[in-house]
Amino acid sequence: MVKRTVSLSVEEEVYEQYRRYCEQKGIILSKQFENFMVEELKKNKGK
């Protein structure tokens, strides 16, 4: 699968907190975002 680089705007403090959370859990931040999008698409499939 081809990967695409995207640019997002989020509140700096939210980003920093979530980045630290992912780092502590050994989670890749971009993969978390991708997983979120996949789950949202699954929930809304057929609507």
PDB file of N, CA and C in Angstrom:
ATOM      1  N   MET A   1       0.847  -1.182   0.000  1.00  0.00           N
ATOM      2  CA  MET A   1       0.000   0.000   0.000  1.00  0.00           C
ATOM      3  C   MET A   1       0.889   1.240   0.000  1.00  0.00           C
ATOM      4  N   VAL A   2       0.521   2.215  -0.780  1.00  0.00           N
ATOM      5  CA  VAL A   2       1.266   3.463  -0.883  1.00  0.00           C
ATOM      6  C   VAL A   2       0.935   4.346   0.311  1.00  0.00           C
ATOM      7  N   LYS A   3       1.948   4.932   0.910  1.00  0.00           N
ATOM      8  CA  LYS A   3       1.751   5.844   2.038  1.00  0.00           C
ATOM      9  C   LYS A   3       1.718   7.271   1.525  1.00  0.00           C
ATOM     10  N   ARG A   4       0.927   8.107   2.168  1.00  0.00           N
ATOM     11  CA  ARG A   4       0.825   9.517   1.807  1.00  0.00           C
ATOM     12  C   ARG A   4       1.188  10.351   3.029  1.00  0.00           C
ATOM     13  N   THR A   5       2.005  11.357   2.825  1.00  0.00           N
ATOM     14  CA  THR A   5       2.335  12.286   3.895  1.00  0.00           C
ATOM     15  C   THR A   5       1.260  13.361   3.932  1.00  0.00           C
ATOM     16  N   VAL A   6       0.735  13.628   5.139  1.00  0.00           N
ATOM     17  CA  VAL A   6      -0.300  14.648   5.298  1.00  0.00           C
ATOM     18  C   VAL A   6       0.147  15.667   6.331  1.00  0.00           C
ATOM     19  N   SER A   7      -0.455  16.814   6.259  1.00  0.00           N
ATOM     20  CA  SER A   7      -0.167  17.875   7.213  1.00  0.00           C
ATOM     21  C   SER A   7      -1.453  18.174   7.973  1.00  0.00           C
ATOM     22  N   LEU A   8      -1.364  18.219   9.293  1.00  0.00           N
ATOM     23  CA  LEU A   8      -2.533  18.468  10.130  1.00  0.00           C
ATOM     24  C   LEU A   8      -2.272  19.646  11.045  1.00  0.00           C
ATOM     25  N   SER A   9      -3.332  20.309  11.431  1.00  0.00           N
ATOM     26  CA  SER A   9      -3.225  21.384  12.418  1.00  0.00           C
ATOM     27  C   SER A   9      -3.961  20.955  13.671  1.00  0.00           C
ATOM     28  N   VAL A  10      -3.238  20.884  14.774  1.00  0.00           N
ATOM     29  CA  VAL A  10      -3.839  20.541  16.065  1.00  0.00           C
ATOM     30  C   VAL A  10      -3.250  21.465  17.118  1.00  0.00           C
ATOM     31  N   GLU A  11      -3.980  21.611  18.203  1.00  0.00           N
ATOM     32  CA  GLU A  11      -3.476  22.425  19.304  1.00  0.00           C
ATOM     33  C   GLU A  11      -2.147  21.850  19.782  1.00  0.00           C
ATOM     34  N   GLU A  12      -1.183  22.715  19.984  1.00  0.00           N
ATOM     35  CA  GLU A  12       0.161  22.280  20.346  1.00  0.00           C
ATOM     36  C   GLU A  12       0.183  21.435  21.617  1.00  0.00           C
ATOM     37  N   GLU A  13      -0.527  21.857  22.637  1.00  0.00           N
ATOM     38  CA  GLU A  13      -0.514  21.119  23.908  1.00  0.00           C
ATOM     39  C   GLU A  13      -1.131  19.725  23.745  1.00  0.00           C
ATOM     40  N   VAL A  14      -2.205  19.629  22.987  1.00  0.00           N
ATOM     41  CA  VAL A  14      -2.834  18.331  22.730  1.00  0.00           C
ATOM     42  C   VAL A  14      -1.847  17.429  21.990  1.00  0.00           C
ATOM     43  N   TYR A  15      -1.202  17.978  20.982  1.00  0.00           N
ATOM     44  CA  TYR A  15      -0.230  17.207  20.219  1.00  0.00           C
ATOM     45  C   TYR A  15       0.897  16.702  21.114  1.00  0.00           C
ATOM     46  N   GLU A  16       1.460  17.579  21.914  1.00  0.00           N
ATOM     47  CA  GLU A  16       2.578  17.198  22.776  1.00  0.00           C
ATOM     48  C   GLU A  16       2.172  16.133  23.791  1.00  0.00           C
ATOM     49  N   GLN A  17       1.001  16.284  24.384  1.00  0.00           N
ATOM     50  CA  GLN A  17       0.525  15.293  25.355  1.00  0.00           C
ATOM     51  C   GLN A  17       0.330  13.938  24.683  1.00  0.00           C
ATOM     52  N   TYR A  18      -0.292  13.941  23.506  1.00  0.00           N
ATOM     53  CA  TYR A  18      -0.549  12.674  22.819  1.00  0.00           C
ATOM     54  C   TYR A  18       0.744  12.051  22.299  1.00  0.00           C
ATOM     55  N   ARG A  19       1.662  12.892  21.835  1.00  0.00           N
ATOM     56  CA  ARG A  19       2.961  12.393  21.374  1.00  0.00           C
ATOM     57  C   ARG A  19       3.690  11.701  22.522  1.00  0.00           C
ATOM     58  N   ARG A  20       3.680  12.301  23.719  1.00  0.00           N
ATOM     59  CA  ARG A  20       4.318  11.689  24.891  1.00  0.00           C
ATOM     60  C   ARG A  20       3.608  10.394  25.280  1.00  0.00           C
ATOM     61  N   TYR A  21       2.288  10.399  25.218  1.00  0.00           N
ATOM     62  CA  TYR A  21       1.513   9.195  25.515  1.00  0.00           C
ATOM     63  C   TYR A  21       1.931   8.051  24.591  1.00  0.00           C
ATOM     64  N   CYS A  22       1.991   8.339  23.292  1.00  0.00           N
ATOM     65  CA  CYS A  22       2.374   7.319  22.313  1.00  0.00           C
ATOM     66  C   CYS A  22       3.798   6.847  22.571  1.00  0.00           C
ATOM     67  N   GLU A  23       4.681   7.755  22.874  1.00  0.00           N
ATOM     68  CA  GLU A  23       6.071   7.414  23.145  1.00  0.00           C
ATOM     69  C   GLU A  23       6.178   6.476  24.340  1.00  0.00           C
ATOM     70  N   GLN A  24       5.434   6.766  25.401  1.00  0.00           N
ATOM     71  CA  GLN A  24       5.456   5.939  26.608  1.00  0.00           C
ATOM     72  C   GLN A  24       4.911   4.544  26.336  1.00  0.00           C
ATOM     73  N   LYS A  25       3.931   4.457  25.449  1.00  0.00           N
ATOM     74  CA  LYS A  25       3.288   3.176  25.132  1.00  0.00           C
ATOM     75  C   LYS A  25       3.982   2.439  23.993  1.00  0.00           C
ATOM     76  N   GLY A  26       4.996   3.063  23.391  1.00  0.00           N
ATOM     77  CA  GLY A  26       5.682   2.446  22.264  1.00  0.00           C
ATOM     78  C   GLY A  26       4.836   2.415  21.011  1.00  0.00           C
ATOM     79  N   ILE A  27       3.985   3.419  20.858  1.00  0.00           N
ATOM     80  CA  ILE A  27       3.051   3.498  19.736  1.00  0.00           C
ATOM     81  C   ILE A  27       3.567   4.535  18.738  1.00  0.00           C
ATOM     82  N   ILE A  28       3.433   4.238  17.468  1.00  0.00           N
ATOM     83  CA  ILE A  28       3.798   5.197  16.426  1.00  0.00           C
ATOM     84  C   ILE A  28       2.606   6.133  16.222  1.00  0.00           C
ATOM     85  N   LEU A  29       2.845   7.415  16.405  1.00  0.00           N
ATOM     86  CA  LEU A  29       1.778   8.413  16.341  1.00  0.00           C
ATOM     87  C   LEU A  29       1.006   8.352  15.023  1.00  0.00           C
ATOM     88  N   SER A  30       1.701   8.292  13.906  1.00  0.00           N
ATOM     89  CA  SER A  30       1.010   8.275  12.613  1.00  0.00           C
ATOM     90  C   SER A  30       0.164   7.015  12.443  1.00  0.00           C
ATOM     91  N   LYS A  31       0.631   5.895  12.993  1.00  0.00           N
ATOM     92  CA  LYS A  31      -0.142   4.649  12.905  1.00  0.00           C
ATOM     93  C   LYS A  31      -1.417   4.764  13.744  1.00  0.00           C
ATOM     94  N   GLN A  32      -1.356   5.459  14.870  1.00  0.00           N
ATOM     95  CA  GLN A  32      -2.549   5.675  15.683  1.00  0.00           C
ATOM     96  C   GLN A  32      -3.598   6.449  14.903  1.00  0.00           C
ATOM     97  N   PHE A  33      -3.152   7.476  14.203  1.00  0.00           N
ATOM     98  CA  PHE A  33      -4.075   8.274  13.408  1.00  0.00           C
ATOM     99  C   PHE A  33      -4.685   7.433  12.288  1.00  0.00           C
ATOM    100  N   GLU A  34      -3.863   6.633  11.643  1.00  0.00           N
ATOM    101  CA  GLU A  34      -4.348   5.754  10.583  1.00  0.00           C
ATOM    102  C   GLU A  34      -5.384   4.762  11.136  1.00  0.00           C
ATOM    103  N   ASN A  35      -5.095   4.165  12.281  1.00  0.00           N
ATOM    104  CA  ASN A  35      -6.041   3.233  12.908  1.00  0.00           C
ATOM    105  C   ASN A  35      -7.359   3.921  13.237  1.00  0.00           C
ATOM    106  N   PHE A  36      -7.288   5.157  13.723  1.00  0.00           N
ATOM    107  CA  PHE A  36      -8.496   5.922  14.018  1.00  0.00           C
ATOM    108  C   PHE A  36      -9.345   6.101  12.753  1.00  0.00           C
ATOM    109  N   MET A  37      -8.698   6.467  11.651  1.00  0.00           N
ATOM    110  CA  MET A  37      -9.438   6.666  10.404  1.00  0.00           C
ATOM    111  C   MET A  37     -10.088   5.376   9.928  1.00  0.00           C
ATOM    112  N   VAL A  38      -9.371   4.264  10.011  1.00  0.00           N
ATOM    113  CA  VAL A  38      -9.912   2.968   9.601  1.00  0.00           C
ATOM    114  C   VAL A  38     -11.148   2.629  10.436  1.00  0.00           C
ATOM    115  N   GLU A  39     -11.054   2.799  11.738  1.00  0.00           N
ATOM    116  CA  GLU A  39     -12.187   2.487  12.622  1.00  0.00           C
ATOM    117  C   GLU A  39     -13.392   3.377  12.330  1.00  0.00           C
ATOM    118  N   GLU A  40     -13.148   4.651  12.076  1.00  0.00           N
ATOM    119  CA  GLU A  40     -14.251   5.572  11.743  1.00  0.00           C
ATOM    120  C   GLU A  40     -14.924   5.144  10.436  1.00  0.00           C
ATOM    121  N   LEU A  41     -14.128   4.742   9.460  1.00  0.00           N
ATOM    122  CA  LEU A  41     -14.702   4.281   8.199  1.00  0.00           C
ATOM    123  C   LEU A  41     -15.521   3.019   8.393  1.00  0.00           C
ATOM    124  N   LYS A  42     -15.045   2.101   9.230  1.00  0.00           N
ATOM    125  CA  LYS A  42     -15.788   0.868   9.513  1.00  0.00           C
ATOM    126  C   LYS A  42     -17.126   1.188  10.182  1.00  0.00           C
ATOM    127  N   LYS A  43     -17.102   2.096  11.165  1.00  0.00           N
ATOM    128  CA  LYS A  43     -18.330   2.452  11.900  1.00  0.00           C
ATOM    129  C   LYS A  43     -19.367   3.094  10.972  1.00  0.00           C
ATOM    130  N   ASN A  44     -18.912   3.816   9.976  1.00  0.00           N
ATOM    131  CA  ASN A  44     -19.819   4.547   9.108  1.00  0.00           C
ATOM    132  C   ASN A  44     -20.062   3.888   7.777  1.00  0.00           C
ATOM    133  N   LYS A  45     -19.588   2.661   7.611  1.00  0.00           N
ATOM    134  CA  LYS A  45     -19.764   1.962   6.341  1.00  0.00           C
ATOM    135  C   LYS A  45     -21.258   1.693   6.108  1.00  0.00           C
ATOM    136  N   GLY A  46     -21.704   2.044   4.929  1.00  0.00           N
ATOM    137  CA  GLY A  46     -23.083   1.792   4.574  1.00  0.00           C
ATOM    138  C   GLY A  46     -24.050   2.866   5.039  1.00  0.00           C
ATOM    139  N   LYS A  47     -23.556   3.929   5.619  1.00  0.00           N
ATOM    140  CA  LYS A  47     -24.460   5.019   6.058  1.00  0.00           C
ATOM    141  C   LYS A  47     -24.591   6.074   5.014  1.00  0.00           C
TER     142      LYS A  47
END
